[in-house]
Amino acid sequence: MKTRAKKTVSARVQEHMDDAQDLVSATADVAEETFTAARERLDSALDAARAYSREMQRKARAAGKLMDATFHARPYQALGLAVGLGVLLGLMLRRRR
């Protein structure tokens, strides 16, 4: 389930970046200085967004591997933590009502 959600978010981000790239390509023949500056800023923003996306994916993978290794090394502590967090979350949600 998490993998599908991750793919959906990743696909949506990629779709937005593709749309922005299409916009840059569509305005490539416009020679006005304002459009040129806007296209350059958009290109720069797209490059930054791609770099940020790659970095977040790398960090998420590293965190997942660390969590997996920790849970395999100490399964009872992991189970206790999960139960404790579930109880805490349940209490917090019950109080909100």
C-alpha atoms as a PDB file:
ATOM      1  CA  MET A   1       0.000   0.000   0.000  1.00  0.00           C
ATOM      2  CA  LYS A   2       2.791   2.433   0.863  1.00  0.00           C
ATOM      3  CA  THR A   3       4.559   1.568  -2.360  1.00  0.00           C
ATOM      4  CA  ARG A   4       1.454   2.424  -4.375  1.00  0.00           C
ATOM      5  CA  ALA A   5       1.067   5.732  -2.534  1.00  0.00           C
ATOM      6  CA  LYS A   6       4.740   6.525  -3.093  1.00  0.00           C
ATOM      7  CA  LYS A   7       4.395   5.725  -6.783  1.00  0.00           C
ATOM      8  CA  THR A   8       1.282   7.867  -7.019  1.00  0.00           C
ATOM      9  CA  VAL A   9       2.979  10.854  -5.384  1.00  0.00           C
ATOM     10  CA  SER A  10       6.095  10.329  -7.456  1.00  0.00           C
ATOM     11  CA  ALA A  11       4.022  10.049 -10.628  1.00  0.00           C
ATOM     12  CA  ARG A  12       2.132  13.243  -9.814  1.00  0.00           C
ATOM     13  CA  VAL A  13       5.336  15.168  -9.128  1.00  0.00           C
ATOM     14  CA  GLN A  14       6.825  13.864 -12.366  1.00  0.00           C
ATOM     15  CA  GLU A  15       3.652  14.833 -14.235  1.00  0.00           C
ATOM     16  CA  HIS A  16       3.875  18.409 -12.914  1.00  0.00           C
ATOM     17  CA  MET A  17       7.541  18.629 -13.829  1.00  0.00           C
ATOM     18  CA  ASP A  18       6.768  17.296 -17.318  1.00  0.00           C
ATOM     19  CA  ASP A  19       3.989  19.883 -17.709  1.00  0.00           C
ATOM     20  CA  ALA A  20       6.360  22.634 -16.692  1.00  0.00           C
ATOM     21  CA  GLN A  21       8.983  21.344 -19.133  1.00  0.00           C
ATOM     22  CA  ASP A  22       6.342  21.315 -21.891  1.00  0.00           C
ATOM     23  CA  LEU A  23       5.548  24.939 -21.044  1.00  0.00           C
ATOM     24  CA  VAL A  24       9.217  25.852 -21.318  1.00  0.00           C
ATOM     25  CA  SER A  25       9.441  24.054 -24.666  1.00  0.00           C
ATOM     26  CA  ALA A  26       6.259  25.664 -25.955  1.00  0.00           C
ATOM     27  CA  THR A  27       7.561  29.160 -25.222  1.00  0.00           C
ATOM     28  CA  ALA A  28      11.071  28.505 -26.569  1.00  0.00           C
ATOM     29  CA  ASP A  29      10.414  30.448 -29.770  1.00  0.00           C
ATOM     30  CA  VAL A  30       9.124  33.522 -27.929  1.00  0.00           C
ATOM     31  CA  ALA A  31      11.967  36.005 -27.997  1.00  0.00           C
ATOM     32  CA  GLU A  32      10.719  38.635 -25.608  1.00  0.00           C
ATOM     33  CA  GLU A  33      13.062  39.347 -22.742  1.00  0.00           C
ATOM     34  CA  THR A  34      10.353  38.804 -20.129  1.00  0.00           C
ATOM     35  CA  PHE A  35       9.507  35.343 -21.423  1.00  0.00           C
ATOM     36  CA  THR A  36      13.177  34.458 -21.722  1.00  0.00           C
ATOM     37  CA  ALA A  37      13.803  35.419 -18.104  1.00  0.00           C
ATOM     38  CA  ALA A  38      10.677  33.542 -16.972  1.00  0.00           C
ATOM     39  CA  ARG A  39      11.727  30.432 -18.905  1.00  0.00           C
ATOM     40  CA  GLU A  40      15.189  30.576 -17.341  1.00  0.00           C
ATOM     41  CA  ARG A  41      13.694  30.866 -13.853  1.00  0.00           C
ATOM     42  CA  LEU A  42      11.320  27.992 -14.574  1.00  0.00           C
ATOM     43  CA  ASP A  43      14.187  25.857 -15.896  1.00  0.00           C
ATOM     44  CA  SER A  44      16.170  26.641 -12.773  1.00  0.00           C
ATOM     45  CA  ALA A  45      13.205  25.804 -10.542  1.00  0.00           C
ATOM     46  CA  LEU A  46      12.667  22.517 -12.397  1.00  0.00           C
ATOM     47  CA  ASP A  47      16.310  21.559 -11.953  1.00  0.00           C
ATOM     48  CA  ALA A  48      16.102  22.376  -8.252  1.00  0.00           C
ATOM     49  CA  ALA A  49      12.859  20.385  -7.900  1.00  0.00           C
ATOM     50  CA  ARG A  50      14.417  17.360  -9.600  1.00  0.00           C
ATOM     51  CA  ALA A  51      17.473  17.547  -7.360  1.00  0.00           C
ATOM     52  CA  TYR A  52      15.286  17.914  -4.272  1.00  0.00           C
ATOM     53  CA  SER A  53      13.128  14.977  -5.359  1.00  0.00           C
ATOM     54  CA  ARG A  54      16.179  12.756  -5.865  1.00  0.00           C
ATOM     55  CA  GLU A  55      17.570  13.763  -2.464  1.00  0.00           C
ATOM     56  CA  MET A  56      14.249  13.076  -0.695  1.00  0.00           C
ATOM     57  CA  GLN A  57      13.992   9.674  -2.382  1.00  0.00           C
ATOM     58  CA  ARG A  58      17.543   8.852  -1.286  1.00  0.00           C
ATOM     59  CA  LYS A  59      16.817   9.916   2.301  1.00  0.00           C
ATOM     60  CA  ALA A  60      13.539   7.963   2.376  1.00  0.00           C
ATOM     61  CA  ARG A  61      15.291   4.811   1.145  1.00  0.00           C
ATOM     62  CA  ALA A  62      18.053   5.231   3.739  1.00  0.00           C
ATOM     63  CA  ALA A  63      15.504   5.765   6.532  1.00  0.00           C
ATOM     64  CA  GLY A  64      13.543   2.721   5.402  1.00  0.00           C
ATOM     65  CA  LYS A  65      16.653   0.545   5.380  1.00  0.00           C
ATOM     66  CA  LEU A  66      17.650   1.781   8.834  1.00  0.00           C
ATOM     67  CA  MET A  67      14.157   1.155  10.195  1.00  0.00           C
ATOM     68  CA  ASP A  68      14.073  -2.306   8.638  1.00  0.00           C
ATOM     69  CA  ALA A  69      17.463  -3.199  10.120  1.00  0.00           C
ATOM     70  CA  THR A  70      16.430  -1.889  13.542  1.00  0.00           C
ATOM     71  CA  PHE A  71      13.154  -3.827  13.505  1.00  0.00           C
ATOM     72  CA  HIS A  72      14.937  -7.032  12.516  1.00  0.00           C
ATOM     73  CA  ALA A  73      17.576  -6.533  15.215  1.00  0.00           C
ATOM     74  CA  ARG A  74      15.041  -5.790  17.990  1.00  0.00           C
ATOM     75  CA  PRO A  75      11.622  -7.124  16.981  1.00  0.00           C
ATOM     76  CA  TYR A  76      10.070  -7.058  20.466  1.00  0.00           C
ATOM     77  CA  GLN A  77      11.098  -3.473  21.097  1.00  0.00           C
ATOM     78  CA  ALA A  78       9.705  -2.523  17.698  1.00  0.00           C
ATOM     79  CA  LEU A  79       6.428  -4.263  18.469  1.00  0.00           C
ATOM     80  CA  GLY A  80       6.229  -2.529  21.858  1.00  0.00           C
ATOM     81  CA  LEU A  81       6.895   0.839  20.244  1.00  0.00           C
ATOM     82  CA  ALA A  82       4.203   0.246  17.625  1.00  0.00           C
ATOM     83  CA  VAL A  83       1.652  -0.764  20.258  1.00  0.00           C
ATOM     84  CA  GLY A  84       2.560   2.215  22.444  1.00  0.00           C
ATOM     85  CA  LEU A  85       2.238   4.658  19.567  1.00  0.00           C
ATOM     86  CA  GLY A  86      -1.074   3.104  18.567  1.00  0.00           C
ATOM     87  CA  VAL A  87      -2.452   3.506  22.089  1.00  0.00           C
ATOM     88  CA  LEU A  88      -1.201   7.091  22.278  1.00  0.00           C
ATOM     89  CA  LEU A  89      -2.700   7.949  18.905  1.00  0.00           C
ATOM     90  CA  GLY A  90      -6.001   6.306  19.898  1.00  0.00           C
ATOM     91  CA  LEU A  91      -6.146   8.333  23.123  1.00  0.00           C
ATOM     92  CA  MET A  92      -5.405  11.559  21.277  1.00  0.00           C
ATOM     93  CA  LEU A  93      -8.064  10.894  18.670  1.00  0.00           C
ATOM     94  CA  ARG A  94     -10.620   9.943  21.309  1.00  0.00           C
ATOM     95  CA  ARG A  95     -10.031  13.205  23.172  1.00  0.00           C
ATOM     96  CA  ARG A  96     -10.633  15.266  20.053  1.00  0.00           C
ATOM     97  CA  ARG A  97     -14.231  14.073  19.840  1.00  0.00           C
END
